[in-house]
Amino acid sequence: MSDVTALQDILCVSFGDSSILQQSLIHRSYLNENPDPTLASNERLEYLGDAVFGLVVAEELYRCFPESSEGELTNLRSALVRGETLGRVALALHLDEYLYLGRGEDESGGRHRSRTLGCALEAVVGAVLVDQGFNEARRFVLKILESEFKRL
């Protein structure tokens, strides 16, 4: 397993427990080819990160667009948290370089697939939540989505 110290610098988050960040990068295909009972895939962290993204983005849109209707806010939120957007943000953060993928997944382009990258980014947000708490996870989400919010 690679050292995630450089990734912490890229993310501007210093993890108290870097193994949580490392877990956020483990795709289930890696575990299929490298069984290790001490490792877990990023899916549970992805679940948390998805919820954090949804809440933080919804709250920020509500605050920034006070005249927008519920439908308009929903459309804006969907544009920000969809896989293509999250995949683009994940690439900008170089998450593709840190993913643990099975050989087949890697050879079939998984490292650059928007869905895989977006899920990994959600897992990273989940890891920030677990390690640092909600306020830091919120700050992190707003920081990494700053350019996407400006596009709106």
N, C-alpha and C. Protein backbone atom coordinates (compact mmCIF):
# COMPACT_ATOMS: atom_id res chain seq x y z
N MET A 1 0.86 -1.17 0.00
CA MET A 1 0.00 0.00 0.00
C MET A 1 0.91 1.24 0.00
N SER A 2 0.50 2.22 -0.78
CA SER A 2 1.35 3.41 -0.92
C SER A 2 1.12 4.40 0.22
N ASP A 3 2.06 5.29 0.36
CA ASP A 3 1.99 6.33 1.37
C ASP A 3 1.06 7.43 0.87
N VAL A 4 0.14 7.86 1.71
CA VAL A 4 -0.83 8.87 1.31
C VAL A 4 -0.47 10.26 1.85
N THR A 5 0.76 10.42 2.32
CA THR A 5 1.20 11.71 2.86
C THR A 5 1.10 12.81 1.80
N ALA A 6 1.56 12.51 0.59
CA ALA A 6 1.51 13.52 -0.48
C ALA A 6 0.07 13.88 -0.81
N LEU A 7 -0.83 12.91 -0.76
CA LEU A 7 -2.24 13.19 -1.04
C LEU A 7 -2.81 14.11 0.04
N GLN A 8 -2.44 13.92 1.28
CA GLN A 8 -2.91 14.81 2.34
C GLN A 8 -2.50 16.26 2.05
N ASP A 9 -1.31 16.44 1.51
CA ASP A 9 -0.85 17.78 1.14
C ASP A 9 -1.71 18.35 0.01
N ILE A 10 -2.02 17.53 -0.98
CA ILE A 10 -2.86 17.97 -2.10
C ILE A 10 -4.25 18.36 -1.59
N LEU A 11 -4.79 17.55 -0.68
CA LEU A 11 -6.14 17.78 -0.16
C LEU A 11 -6.18 18.90 0.88
N CYS A 12 -5.01 19.28 1.41
CA CYS A 12 -4.92 20.26 2.50
C CYS A 12 -5.69 19.79 3.73
N VAL A 13 -5.60 18.50 4.00
CA VAL A 13 -6.20 17.90 5.18
C VAL A 13 -5.15 16.99 5.81
N SER A 14 -4.91 17.20 7.08
CA SER A 14 -3.96 16.36 7.80
C SER A 14 -4.75 15.37 8.65
N PHE A 15 -4.74 14.13 8.24
CA PHE A 15 -5.52 13.10 8.92
C PHE A 15 -4.84 12.68 10.21
N GLY A 16 -5.62 12.53 11.27
CA GLY A 16 -5.12 11.96 12.50
C GLY A 16 -4.82 10.49 12.32
N ASP A 17 -5.65 9.83 11.51
CA ASP A 17 -5.49 8.41 11.20
C ASP A 17 -5.47 8.26 9.68
N SER A 18 -4.28 8.21 9.11
CA SER A 18 -4.16 8.17 7.64
C SER A 18 -4.70 6.87 7.05
N SER A 19 -4.90 5.84 7.88
CA SER A 19 -5.46 4.60 7.34
C SER A 19 -6.89 4.80 6.86
N ILE A 20 -7.59 5.79 7.41
CA ILE A 20 -8.96 6.09 6.96
C ILE A 20 -8.91 6.68 5.55
N LEU A 21 -7.96 7.56 5.31
CA LEU A 21 -7.79 8.09 3.95
C LEU A 21 -7.42 6.96 3.00
N GLN A 22 -6.53 6.10 3.42
CA GLN A 22 -6.12 4.98 2.58
C GLN A 22 -7.32 4.09 2.25
N GLN A 23 -8.16 3.82 3.22
CA GLN A 23 -9.35 3.00 2.98
C GLN A 23 -10.27 3.65 1.95
N SER A 24 -10.33 4.98 1.97
CA SER A 24 -11.22 5.67 1.03
C SER A 24 -10.80 5.48 -0.42
N LEU A 25 -9.60 4.98 -0.64
CA LEU A 25 -9.05 4.81 -1.98
C LEU A 25 -9.07 3.36 -2.46
N ILE A 26 -9.58 2.46 -1.63
CA ILE A 26 -9.56 1.03 -1.96
C ILE A 26 -10.86 0.62 -2.65
N HIS A 27 -10.76 0.36 -3.93
CA HIS A 27 -11.89 -0.12 -4.72
C HIS A 27 -12.08 -1.61 -4.44
N ARG A 28 -13.31 -2.06 -4.48
CA ARG A 28 -13.56 -3.48 -4.15
C ARG A 28 -12.83 -4.44 -5.09
N SER A 29 -12.55 -4.02 -6.31
CA SER A 29 -11.82 -4.89 -7.24
C SER A 29 -10.41 -5.20 -6.73
N TYR A 30 -9.82 -4.26 -6.00
CA TYR A 30 -8.50 -4.48 -5.42
C TYR A 30 -8.57 -5.61 -4.40
N LEU A 31 -9.59 -5.60 -3.58
CA LEU A 31 -9.74 -6.63 -2.54
C LEU A 31 -10.06 -7.99 -3.14
N ASN A 32 -10.76 -8.00 -4.27
CA ASN A 32 -11.04 -9.27 -4.95
C ASN A 32 -9.76 -9.96 -5.38
N GLU A 33 -8.77 -9.17 -5.80
CA GLU A 33 -7.51 -9.73 -6.27
C GLU A 33 -6.44 -9.80 -5.18
N ASN A 34 -6.64 -9.06 -4.11
CA ASN A 34 -5.67 -9.00 -3.02
C ASN A 34 -6.40 -9.18 -1.68
N PRO A 35 -6.94 -10.36 -1.43
CA PRO A 35 -7.71 -10.54 -0.20
C PRO A 35 -6.85 -10.26 1.04
N ASP A 36 -7.40 -9.45 1.92
CA ASP A 36 -6.71 -9.11 3.16
C ASP A 36 -7.80 -8.76 4.18
N PRO A 37 -7.95 -9.60 5.20
CA PRO A 37 -9.02 -9.37 6.18
C PRO A 37 -8.84 -8.07 6.97
N THR A 38 -7.68 -7.45 6.90
CA THR A 38 -7.46 -6.20 7.63
C THR A 38 -7.87 -4.98 6.81
N LEU A 39 -8.19 -5.18 5.53
CA LEU A 39 -8.58 -4.07 4.66
C LEU A 39 -10.06 -4.12 4.35
N ALA A 40 -10.63 -2.96 4.08
CA ALA A 40 -12.03 -2.86 3.66
C ALA A 40 -12.10 -1.93 2.47
N SER A 41 -13.12 -2.12 1.63
CA SER A 41 -13.28 -1.23 0.47
C SER A 41 -13.77 0.14 0.94
N ASN A 42 -13.82 1.04 0.02
CA ASN A 42 -14.23 2.42 0.31
C ASN A 42 -15.74 2.61 0.31
N GLU A 43 -16.52 1.55 0.13
CA GLU A 43 -17.96 1.71 -0.08
C GLU A 43 -18.70 2.32 1.11
N ARG A 44 -18.34 1.95 2.34
CA ARG A 44 -19.02 2.54 3.50
C ARG A 44 -18.68 4.03 3.64
N LEU A 45 -17.43 4.38 3.39
CA LEU A 45 -17.04 5.79 3.43
C LEU A 45 -17.71 6.57 2.30
N GLU A 46 -17.87 5.93 1.16
CA GLU A 46 -18.57 6.55 0.03
C GLU A 46 -20.01 6.90 0.41
N TYR A 47 -20.65 6.00 1.12
CA TYR A 47 -22.02 6.21 1.61
C TYR A 47 -22.09 7.49 2.45
N LEU A 48 -21.15 7.63 3.39
CA LEU A 48 -21.13 8.84 4.23
C LEU A 48 -20.84 10.09 3.40
N GLY A 49 -19.85 10.00 2.54
CA GLY A 49 -19.46 11.15 1.73
C GLY A 49 -20.58 11.63 0.83
N ASP A 50 -21.33 10.70 0.27
CA ASP A 50 -22.47 11.06 -0.58
C ASP A 50 -23.47 11.90 0.22
N ALA A 51 -23.74 11.50 1.45
CA ALA A 51 -24.68 12.24 2.29
C ALA A 51 -24.14 13.62 2.64
N VAL A 52 -22.84 13.71 2.93
CA VAL A 52 -22.22 15.00 3.25
C VAL A 52 -22.27 15.92 2.05
N PHE A 53 -21.90 15.42 0.88
CA PHE A 53 -21.98 16.23 -0.34
C PHE A 53 -23.39 16.79 -0.51
N GLY A 54 -24.38 15.92 -0.42
CA GLY A 54 -25.76 16.35 -0.62
C GLY A 54 -26.17 17.45 0.33
N LEU A 55 -25.88 17.27 1.62
CA LEU A 55 -26.26 18.26 2.62
C LEU A 55 -25.51 19.57 2.44
N VAL A 56 -24.22 19.50 2.30
CA VAL A 56 -23.40 20.72 2.20
C VAL A 56 -23.77 21.52 0.95
N VAL A 57 -23.91 20.84 -0.16
CA VAL A 57 -24.26 21.53 -1.41
C VAL A 57 -25.66 22.12 -1.31
N ALA A 58 -26.61 21.37 -0.77
CA ALA A 58 -27.98 21.88 -0.62
C ALA A 58 -28.00 23.13 0.25
N GLU A 59 -27.29 23.08 1.37
CA GLU A 59 -27.26 24.23 2.27
C GLU A 59 -26.62 25.45 1.60
N GLU A 60 -25.51 25.25 0.90
CA GLU A 60 -24.82 26.36 0.25
C GLU A 60 -25.68 26.97 -0.87
N LEU A 61 -26.34 26.14 -1.63
CA LEU A 61 -27.23 26.65 -2.69
C LEU A 61 -28.40 27.42 -2.09
N TYR A 62 -28.97 26.90 -1.02
CA TYR A 62 -30.08 27.57 -0.33
C TYR A 62 -29.65 28.96 0.13
N ARG A 63 -28.44 29.06 0.65
CA ARG A 63 -27.91 30.32 1.14
C ARG A 63 -27.56 31.28 0.00
N CYS A 64 -26.97 30.76 -1.07
CA CYS A 64 -26.49 31.61 -2.17
C CYS A 64 -27.57 32.04 -3.15
N PHE A 65 -28.64 31.28 -3.22
CA PHE A 65 -29.71 31.57 -4.19
C PHE A 65 -31.05 31.69 -3.47
N PRO A 66 -31.23 32.76 -2.67
CA PRO A 66 -32.44 32.89 -1.85
C PRO A 66 -33.74 33.04 -2.64
N GLU A 67 -33.65 33.44 -3.88
CA GLU A 67 -34.86 33.62 -4.69
C GLU A 67 -35.22 32.39 -5.52
N SER A 68 -34.36 31.37 -5.51
CA SER A 68 -34.59 30.19 -6.34
C SER A 68 -35.63 29.28 -5.73
N SER A 69 -36.39 28.64 -6.61
CA SER A 69 -37.41 27.69 -6.16
C SER A 69 -36.76 26.35 -5.78
N GLU A 70 -37.55 25.51 -5.16
CA GLU A 70 -37.07 24.18 -4.77
C GLU A 70 -36.61 23.41 -6.00
N GLY A 71 -37.35 23.49 -7.08
CA GLY A 71 -36.97 22.79 -8.31
C GLY A 71 -35.67 23.29 -8.89
N GLU A 72 -35.49 24.61 -8.89
CA GLU A 72 -34.24 25.19 -9.39
C GLU A 72 -33.06 24.75 -8.52
N LEU A 73 -33.24 24.78 -7.20
CA LEU A 73 -32.17 24.36 -6.29
C LEU A 73 -31.84 22.88 -6.48
N THR A 74 -32.86 22.07 -6.70
CA THR A 74 -32.64 20.64 -6.94
C THR A 74 -31.82 20.43 -8.21
N ASN A 75 -32.14 21.16 -9.26
CA ASN A 75 -31.38 21.03 -10.52
C ASN A 75 -29.93 21.47 -10.33
N LEU A 76 -29.72 22.54 -9.61
CA LEU A 76 -28.35 23.01 -9.35
C LEU A 76 -27.57 21.99 -8.52
N ARG A 77 -28.23 21.46 -7.49
CA ARG A 77 -27.56 20.45 -6.65
C ARG A 77 -27.20 19.23 -7.48
N SER A 78 -28.12 18.78 -8.32
CA SER A 78 -27.86 17.62 -9.16
C SER A 78 -26.65 17.85 -10.07
N ALA A 79 -26.53 19.05 -10.60
CA ALA A 79 -25.40 19.37 -11.48
C ALA A 79 -24.08 19.31 -10.71
N LEU A 80 -24.10 19.69 -9.45
CA LEU A 80 -22.87 19.73 -8.66
C LEU A 80 -22.45 18.38 -8.12
N VAL A 81 -23.40 17.52 -7.81
CA VAL A 81 -23.04 16.25 -7.16
C VAL A 81 -23.12 15.05 -8.10
N ARG A 82 -23.34 15.29 -9.38
CA ARG A 82 -23.39 14.16 -10.32
C ARG A 82 -21.99 13.59 -10.54
N GLY A 83 -21.95 12.37 -11.00
CA GLY A 83 -20.70 11.65 -11.16
C GLY A 83 -19.70 12.34 -12.05
N GLU A 84 -20.15 12.93 -13.14
CA GLU A 84 -19.25 13.61 -14.07
C GLU A 84 -18.53 14.78 -13.40
N THR A 85 -19.27 15.56 -12.63
CA THR A 85 -18.68 16.70 -11.92
C THR A 85 -17.69 16.22 -10.87
N LEU A 86 -18.11 15.25 -10.06
CA LEU A 86 -17.23 14.75 -9.00
C LEU A 86 -16.00 14.07 -9.59
N GLY A 87 -16.16 13.40 -10.72
CA GLY A 87 -15.03 12.78 -11.39
C GLY A 87 -14.02 13.81 -11.85
N ARG A 88 -14.51 14.93 -12.38
CA ARG A 88 -13.63 16.01 -12.83
C ARG A 88 -12.87 16.61 -11.65
N VAL A 89 -13.56 16.79 -10.53
CA VAL A 89 -12.92 17.34 -9.32
C VAL A 89 -11.88 16.34 -8.80
N ALA A 90 -12.23 15.05 -8.80
CA ALA A 90 -11.30 14.02 -8.33
C ALA A 90 -10.03 13.99 -9.18
N LEU A 91 -10.17 14.15 -10.48
CA LEU A 91 -8.99 14.20 -11.35
C LEU A 91 -8.12 15.41 -11.04
N ALA A 92 -8.77 16.54 -10.79
CA ALA A 92 -8.01 17.75 -10.46
C ALA A 92 -7.22 17.57 -9.16
N LEU A 93 -7.73 16.72 -8.27
CA LEU A 93 -7.04 16.43 -7.01
C LEU A 93 -6.06 15.26 -7.14
N HIS A 94 -5.96 14.70 -8.34
CA HIS A 94 -5.04 13.59 -8.62
C HIS A 94 -5.40 12.30 -7.88
N LEU A 95 -6.67 12.12 -7.56
CA LEU A 95 -7.07 10.88 -6.88
C LEU A 95 -6.78 9.65 -7.72
N ASP A 96 -6.82 9.82 -9.03
CA ASP A 96 -6.56 8.68 -9.92
C ASP A 96 -5.20 8.05 -9.65
N GLU A 97 -4.25 8.84 -9.22
CA GLU A 97 -2.89 8.35 -8.96
C GLU A 97 -2.80 7.54 -7.66
N TYR A 98 -3.80 7.65 -6.81
CA TYR A 98 -3.74 7.01 -5.49
C TYR A 98 -4.73 5.86 -5.32
N LEU A 99 -5.58 5.61 -6.32
CA LEU A 99 -6.58 4.56 -6.20
C LEU A 99 -5.94 3.18 -6.17
N TYR A 100 -6.50 2.32 -5.34
CA TYR A 100 -6.12 0.91 -5.31
C TYR A 100 -7.19 0.16 -6.09
N LEU A 101 -6.83 -0.28 -7.29
CA LEU A 101 -7.76 -0.98 -8.16
C LEU A 101 -7.22 -2.36 -8.47
N GLY A 102 -8.14 -3.28 -8.74
CA GLY A 102 -7.71 -4.57 -9.25
C GLY A 102 -7.13 -4.38 -10.64
N ARG A 103 -6.32 -5.32 -11.06
CA ARG A 103 -5.65 -5.20 -12.36
C ARG A 103 -6.65 -5.07 -13.50
N GLY A 104 -7.69 -5.88 -13.48
CA GLY A 104 -8.70 -5.83 -14.54
C GLY A 104 -9.41 -4.49 -14.60
N GLU A 105 -9.77 -3.97 -13.44
CA GLU A 105 -10.44 -2.66 -13.37
C GLU A 105 -9.51 -1.56 -13.87
N ASP A 106 -8.26 -1.65 -13.50
CA ASP A 106 -7.27 -0.66 -13.92
C ASP A 106 -7.05 -0.72 -15.43
N GLU A 107 -6.88 -1.93 -15.95
CA GLU A 107 -6.61 -2.09 -17.39
C GLU A 107 -7.80 -1.71 -18.25
N SER A 108 -9.01 -1.78 -17.70
CA SER A 108 -10.20 -1.42 -18.47
C SER A 108 -10.54 0.07 -18.36
N GLY A 109 -9.63 0.86 -17.76
CA GLY A 109 -9.83 2.30 -17.69
C GLY A 109 -10.48 2.80 -16.43
N GLY A 110 -10.63 1.96 -15.43
CA GLY A 110 -11.29 2.35 -14.19
C GLY A 110 -10.66 3.55 -13.49
N ARG A 111 -9.37 3.69 -13.62
CA ARG A 111 -8.65 4.79 -12.96
C ARG A 111 -9.09 6.16 -13.49
N HIS A 112 -9.63 6.19 -14.70
CA HIS A 112 -10.05 7.46 -15.30
C HIS A 112 -11.56 7.52 -15.55
N ARG A 113 -12.29 6.55 -15.04
CA ARG A 113 -13.74 6.51 -15.20
C ARG A 113 -14.38 7.48 -14.20
N SER A 114 -15.25 8.35 -14.72
CA SER A 114 -15.89 9.36 -13.87
C SER A 114 -16.59 8.74 -12.67
N ARG A 115 -17.28 7.66 -12.89
CA ARG A 115 -18.02 7.01 -11.78
C ARG A 115 -17.06 6.54 -10.70
N THR A 116 -15.99 5.87 -11.08
CA THR A 116 -15.01 5.37 -10.11
C THR A 116 -14.38 6.53 -9.35
N LEU A 117 -13.99 7.57 -10.07
CA LEU A 117 -13.37 8.73 -9.45
C LEU A 117 -14.35 9.48 -8.54
N GLY A 118 -15.58 9.64 -8.99
CA GLY A 118 -16.58 10.31 -8.17
C GLY A 118 -16.87 9.56 -6.89
N CYS A 119 -16.95 8.24 -6.99
CA CYS A 119 -17.18 7.42 -5.79
C CYS A 119 -16.00 7.52 -4.84
N ALA A 120 -14.80 7.54 -5.39
CA ALA A 120 -13.61 7.69 -4.54
C ALA A 120 -13.61 9.05 -3.85
N LEU A 121 -14.01 10.08 -4.56
CA LEU A 121 -14.07 11.41 -3.95
C LEU A 121 -15.10 11.43 -2.82
N GLU A 122 -16.24 10.82 -3.04
CA GLU A 122 -17.23 10.72 -1.97
C GLU A 122 -16.65 9.99 -0.77
N ALA A 123 -15.90 8.93 -1.02
CA ALA A 123 -15.27 8.18 0.08
C ALA A 123 -14.25 9.03 0.82
N VAL A 124 -13.50 9.85 0.09
CA VAL A 124 -12.53 10.75 0.73
C VAL A 124 -13.27 11.73 1.65
N VAL A 125 -14.39 12.26 1.18
CA VAL A 125 -15.19 13.16 2.01
C VAL A 125 -15.69 12.41 3.25
N GLY A 126 -16.11 11.17 3.07
CA GLY A 126 -16.51 10.36 4.22
C GLY A 126 -15.37 10.16 5.19
N ALA A 127 -14.17 9.97 4.66
CA ALA A 127 -12.99 9.80 5.51
C ALA A 127 -12.69 11.09 6.29
N VAL A 128 -12.84 12.24 5.62
CA VAL A 128 -12.65 13.51 6.31
C VAL A 128 -13.66 13.64 7.44
N LEU A 129 -14.90 13.27 7.18
CA LEU A 129 -15.94 13.33 8.20
C LEU A 129 -15.58 12.46 9.40
N VAL A 130 -15.20 11.23 9.16
CA VAL A 130 -14.88 10.30 10.24
C VAL A 130 -13.67 10.78 11.04
N ASP A 131 -12.66 11.26 10.34
CA ASP A 131 -11.41 11.64 11.00
C ASP A 131 -11.45 13.04 11.62
N GLN A 132 -12.12 13.98 10.95
CA GLN A 132 -12.04 15.38 11.36
C GLN A 132 -13.36 15.98 11.84
N GLY A 133 -14.48 15.33 11.56
CA GLY A 133 -15.77 15.87 11.97
C GLY A 133 -16.47 16.63 10.86
N PHE A 134 -17.73 16.99 11.13
CA PHE A 134 -18.56 17.59 10.10
C PHE A 134 -18.07 18.96 9.64
N ASN A 135 -17.65 19.81 10.55
CA ASN A 135 -17.23 21.16 10.14
C ASN A 135 -16.07 21.10 9.16
N GLU A 136 -15.10 20.23 9.40
CA GLU A 136 -13.97 20.10 8.48
C GLU A 136 -14.42 19.48 7.16
N ALA A 137 -15.33 18.51 7.22
CA ALA A 137 -15.85 17.91 5.99
C ALA A 137 -16.60 18.96 5.17
N ARG A 138 -17.35 19.79 5.82
CA ARG A 138 -18.08 20.86 5.13
C ARG A 138 -17.10 21.83 4.47
N ARG A 139 -16.07 22.25 5.22
CA ARG A 139 -15.05 23.15 4.67
C ARG A 139 -14.38 22.53 3.46
N PHE A 140 -14.05 21.26 3.57
CA PHE A 140 -13.39 20.55 2.48
C PHE A 140 -14.27 20.49 1.23
N VAL A 141 -15.53 20.14 1.39
CA VAL A 141 -16.45 20.06 0.25
C VAL A 141 -16.57 21.42 -0.43
N LEU A 142 -16.76 22.46 0.35
CA LEU A 142 -16.90 23.80 -0.24
C LEU A 142 -15.62 24.23 -0.96
N LYS A 143 -14.47 23.84 -0.41
CA LYS A 143 -13.20 24.19 -1.04
C LYS A 143 -13.03 23.47 -2.37
N ILE A 144 -13.27 22.16 -2.39
CA ILE A 144 -13.03 21.41 -3.63
C ILE A 144 -14.08 21.69 -4.70
N LEU A 145 -15.25 22.18 -4.29
CA LEU A 145 -16.29 22.50 -5.26
C LEU A 145 -16.35 24.00 -5.60
N GLU A 146 -15.41 24.76 -5.08
CA GLU A 146 -15.44 26.21 -5.28
C GLU A 146 -15.54 26.60 -6.76
N SER A 147 -14.72 26.01 -7.60
CA SER A 147 -14.77 26.37 -9.03
C SER A 147 -16.07 25.90 -9.67
N GLU A 148 -16.62 24.79 -9.19
CA GLU A 148 -17.90 24.32 -9.73
C GLU A 148 -19.05 25.25 -9.34
N PHE A 149 -19.00 25.78 -8.12
CA PHE A 149 -20.02 26.75 -7.70
C PHE A 149 -19.91 28.00 -8.56
N LYS A 150 -18.70 28.41 -8.89
CA LYS A 150 -18.52 29.61 -9.72
C LYS A 150 -19.08 29.40 -11.12
N ARG A 151 -19.05 28.17 -11.61
CA ARG A 151 -19.62 27.89 -12.93
C ARG A 151 -21.12 28.12 -12.98
N LEU A 152 -21.77 27.98 -11.83
CA LEU A 152 -23.22 28.19 -11.78
C LEU A 152 -23.58 29.62 -12.08
